[in-house]
Amino acid sequence: MPDPCFTGTLTVPAAFCGPLAPPDRLATALALAVLTGNRCGHDPAAPRWFEPPPQHAARPKILLQLQERVRAYFDD
């Protein structure tokens, strides 16, 4: 009997298939990464900007201007 989850393409992660394809750790991690953005805690729906620590070294002015313009671009 052919596996109903296998269609010849990688459209459905194995973690979502039925009892013929029990989930393994890699498939579960891949499915979680696909659903949540990635495995480092990144949430695409709620981006966070870098906040420098109090003792952070000063940045060159050109980088500060670039940072401001990037934030303004994505705020629109």
N, C-alpha and C. Protein backbone atom coordinates (compact mmCIF):
# COMPACT_ATOMS: atom_id res chain seq x y z
N MET A 1 0.86 -1.19 0.00
CA MET A 1 0.00 0.00 0.00
C MET A 1 0.89 1.24 0.00
N PRO A 2 0.68 2.17 -0.91
CA PRO A 2 1.52 3.37 -0.95
C PRO A 2 1.22 4.29 0.23
N ASP A 3 2.23 5.05 0.60
CA ASP A 3 2.10 6.01 1.70
C ASP A 3 1.24 7.18 1.22
N PRO A 4 0.10 7.49 1.87
CA PRO A 4 -0.77 8.58 1.41
C PRO A 4 -0.13 9.96 1.60
N CYS A 5 0.89 10.06 2.43
CA CYS A 5 1.54 11.35 2.65
C CYS A 5 2.58 11.65 1.59
N PHE A 6 3.05 10.64 0.87
CA PHE A 6 4.08 10.86 -0.13
C PHE A 6 3.43 11.15 -1.47
N THR A 7 3.68 12.36 -1.97
CA THR A 7 3.10 12.75 -3.26
C THR A 7 4.18 12.97 -4.30
N GLY A 8 5.43 12.74 -3.94
CA GLY A 8 6.52 12.97 -4.87
C GLY A 8 7.11 14.36 -4.74
N THR A 9 6.50 15.21 -3.92
CA THR A 9 7.04 16.55 -3.68
C THR A 9 7.14 16.76 -2.18
N LEU A 10 7.80 17.82 -1.80
CA LEU A 10 7.96 18.13 -0.38
C LEU A 10 6.92 19.16 0.05
N THR A 11 5.65 18.87 -0.19
CA THR A 11 4.60 19.83 0.13
C THR A 11 4.10 19.71 1.56
N VAL A 12 4.17 18.52 2.16
CA VAL A 12 3.66 18.30 3.50
C VAL A 12 4.77 17.73 4.36
N PRO A 13 5.15 18.40 5.47
CA PRO A 13 6.15 17.83 6.35
C PRO A 13 5.68 16.50 6.93
N ALA A 14 6.60 15.61 7.20
CA ALA A 14 6.26 14.29 7.71
C ALA A 14 5.55 14.36 9.05
N ALA A 15 5.77 15.43 9.82
CA ALA A 15 5.14 15.56 11.12
C ALA A 15 3.62 15.68 11.00
N PHE A 16 3.11 16.04 9.83
CA PHE A 16 1.68 16.20 9.65
C PHE A 16 1.02 14.98 9.02
N CYS A 17 1.79 13.96 8.71
CA CYS A 17 1.24 12.77 8.06
C CYS A 17 0.64 11.83 9.10
N GLY A 18 -0.06 10.85 8.60
CA GLY A 18 -0.75 9.90 9.47
C GLY A 18 0.16 8.86 10.08
N PRO A 19 -0.43 7.77 10.57
CA PRO A 19 0.32 6.75 11.29
C PRO A 19 1.35 6.01 10.43
N LEU A 20 1.25 6.06 9.11
CA LEU A 20 2.24 5.38 8.28
C LEU A 20 3.58 6.10 8.29
N ALA A 21 3.59 7.36 8.71
CA ALA A 21 4.83 8.12 8.76
C ALA A 21 4.95 8.80 10.12
N PRO A 22 5.41 8.07 11.14
CA PRO A 22 5.51 8.68 12.47
C PRO A 22 6.52 9.83 12.44
N PRO A 23 6.25 10.92 13.16
CA PRO A 23 7.15 12.07 13.13
C PRO A 23 8.49 11.75 13.79
N ASP A 24 9.54 12.23 13.21
CA ASP A 24 10.84 12.14 13.86
C ASP A 24 11.25 13.54 14.31
N ARG A 25 12.37 13.65 14.98
CA ARG A 25 12.77 14.95 15.53
C ARG A 25 13.04 15.98 14.45
N LEU A 26 13.66 15.58 13.36
CA LEU A 26 13.95 16.53 12.28
C LEU A 26 12.66 17.04 11.64
N ALA A 27 11.73 16.14 11.37
CA ALA A 27 10.47 16.56 10.75
C ALA A 27 9.68 17.47 11.68
N THR A 28 9.69 17.16 12.97
CA THR A 28 8.99 17.99 13.94
C THR A 28 9.63 19.37 14.02
N ALA A 29 10.96 19.43 14.04
CA ALA A 29 11.65 20.72 14.08
C ALA A 29 11.39 21.51 12.81
N LEU A 30 11.37 20.84 11.66
CA LEU A 30 11.10 21.52 10.40
C LEU A 30 9.68 22.08 10.39
N ALA A 31 8.72 21.29 10.84
CA ALA A 31 7.34 21.75 10.88
C ALA A 31 7.20 22.95 11.81
N LEU A 32 7.87 22.89 12.96
CA LEU A 32 7.82 24.00 13.90
C LEU A 32 8.45 25.25 13.29
N ALA A 33 9.56 25.08 12.59
CA ALA A 33 10.22 26.21 11.94
C ALA A 33 9.33 26.83 10.88
N VAL A 34 8.62 26.01 10.13
CA VAL A 34 7.74 26.51 9.07
C VAL A 34 6.58 27.28 9.68
N LEU A 35 6.06 26.82 10.81
CA LEU A 35 4.90 27.45 11.42
C LEU A 35 5.24 28.72 12.20
N THR A 36 6.44 28.79 12.78
CA THR A 36 6.74 29.90 13.68
C THR A 36 7.76 30.89 13.14
N GLY A 37 8.35 30.65 12.00
CA GLY A 37 9.34 31.58 11.46
C GLY A 37 10.71 30.96 11.40
N ASN A 38 11.23 30.54 12.52
CA ASN A 38 12.51 29.83 12.57
C ASN A 38 12.74 29.27 13.95
N ARG A 39 13.91 28.72 14.19
CA ARG A 39 14.18 28.06 15.47
C ARG A 39 14.93 28.94 16.46
N CYS A 40 15.08 30.21 16.21
CA CYS A 40 15.83 31.05 17.14
C CYS A 40 14.92 31.98 17.93
N GLY A 41 13.62 31.79 17.87
CA GLY A 41 12.70 32.63 18.61
C GLY A 41 12.20 33.83 17.82
N HIS A 42 12.57 33.93 16.55
CA HIS A 42 12.13 35.04 15.70
C HIS A 42 10.63 34.94 15.46
N ASP A 43 9.93 36.04 15.67
CA ASP A 43 8.49 36.09 15.42
C ASP A 43 8.24 37.13 14.34
N PRO A 44 7.95 36.70 13.09
CA PRO A 44 7.76 37.66 12.00
C PRO A 44 6.64 38.65 12.26
N ALA A 45 5.65 38.28 13.07
CA ALA A 45 4.52 39.16 13.33
C ALA A 45 4.86 40.25 14.35
N ALA A 46 5.93 40.07 15.11
CA ALA A 46 6.31 41.04 16.13
C ALA A 46 7.82 41.25 16.11
N PRO A 47 8.34 41.99 15.11
CA PRO A 47 9.79 42.19 15.04
C PRO A 47 10.30 43.03 16.21
N ARG A 48 11.52 42.76 16.60
CA ARG A 48 12.16 43.52 17.68
C ARG A 48 13.40 44.21 17.11
N TRP A 49 13.59 45.45 17.49
CA TRP A 49 14.78 46.17 17.07
C TRP A 49 15.87 45.95 18.09
N PHE A 50 17.12 46.04 17.64
CA PHE A 50 18.26 45.89 18.53
C PHE A 50 18.33 47.07 19.47
N GLU A 51 18.42 46.80 20.75
CA GLU A 51 18.61 47.84 21.75
C GLU A 51 20.01 47.66 22.33
N PRO A 52 20.90 48.62 22.08
CA PRO A 52 22.28 48.45 22.57
C PRO A 52 22.34 48.48 24.10
N PRO A 53 23.27 47.73 24.68
CA PRO A 53 23.45 47.77 26.13
C PRO A 53 23.99 49.14 26.55
N PRO A 54 23.92 49.48 27.83
CA PRO A 54 24.36 50.81 28.28
C PRO A 54 25.82 51.12 27.95
N GLN A 55 26.69 50.14 27.95
CA GLN A 55 28.11 50.38 27.71
C GLN A 55 28.51 50.06 26.27
N HIS A 56 27.60 50.16 25.34
CA HIS A 56 27.87 49.82 23.95
C HIS A 56 28.74 50.90 23.31
N ALA A 57 29.68 50.49 22.46
CA ALA A 57 30.55 51.45 21.77
C ALA A 57 29.74 52.28 20.78
N ALA A 58 30.17 53.52 20.58
CA ALA A 58 29.49 54.41 19.64
C ALA A 58 29.66 53.90 18.21
N ARG A 59 28.62 54.10 17.41
CA ARG A 59 28.66 53.68 16.01
C ARG A 59 28.99 54.89 15.13
N PRO A 60 29.56 54.62 13.96
CA PRO A 60 29.79 55.73 13.02
C PRO A 60 28.45 56.35 12.60
N LYS A 61 28.46 57.65 12.32
CA LYS A 61 27.23 58.37 11.98
C LYS A 61 26.54 57.78 10.75
N ILE A 62 27.30 57.30 9.80
CA ILE A 62 26.70 56.75 8.58
C ILE A 62 25.85 55.52 8.92
N LEU A 63 26.30 54.72 9.88
CA LEU A 63 25.52 53.54 10.28
C LEU A 63 24.27 53.95 11.05
N LEU A 64 24.36 55.01 11.85
CA LEU A 64 23.18 55.49 12.57
C LEU A 64 22.13 56.02 11.59
N GLN A 65 22.58 56.74 10.56
CA GLN A 65 21.65 57.24 9.55
C GLN A 65 21.00 56.09 8.79
N LEU A 66 21.79 55.10 8.45
CA LEU A 66 21.26 53.93 7.76
C LEU A 66 20.22 53.22 8.62
N GLN A 67 20.52 53.07 9.90
CA GLN A 67 19.59 52.41 10.82
C GLN A 67 18.27 53.18 10.89
N GLU A 68 18.33 54.51 10.98
CA GLU A 68 17.12 55.32 11.03
C GLU A 68 16.30 55.18 9.75
N ARG A 69 16.96 55.18 8.61
CA ARG A 69 16.25 55.08 7.34
C ARG A 69 15.62 53.70 7.14
N VAL A 70 16.31 52.66 7.60
CA VAL A 70 15.74 51.31 7.50
C VAL A 70 14.50 51.21 8.38
N ARG A 71 14.58 51.74 9.59
CA ARG A 71 13.40 51.71 10.48
C ARG A 71 12.24 52.50 9.88
N ALA A 72 12.54 53.67 9.32
CA ALA A 72 11.48 54.49 8.71
C ALA A 72 10.85 53.76 7.52
N TYR A 73 11.66 53.08 6.74
CA TYR A 73 11.15 52.33 5.59
C TYR A 73 10.18 51.24 6.03
N PHE A 74 10.52 50.50 7.07
CA PHE A 74 9.68 49.39 7.50
C PHE A 74 8.53 49.83 8.39
N ASP A 75 8.54 51.06 8.90
CA ASP A 75 7.42 51.56 9.70
C ASP A 75 6.22 51.91 8.84
N ASP A 76 6.44 52.16 7.56
CA ASP A 76 5.33 52.55 6.66
C ASP A 76 4.38 51.43 6.41
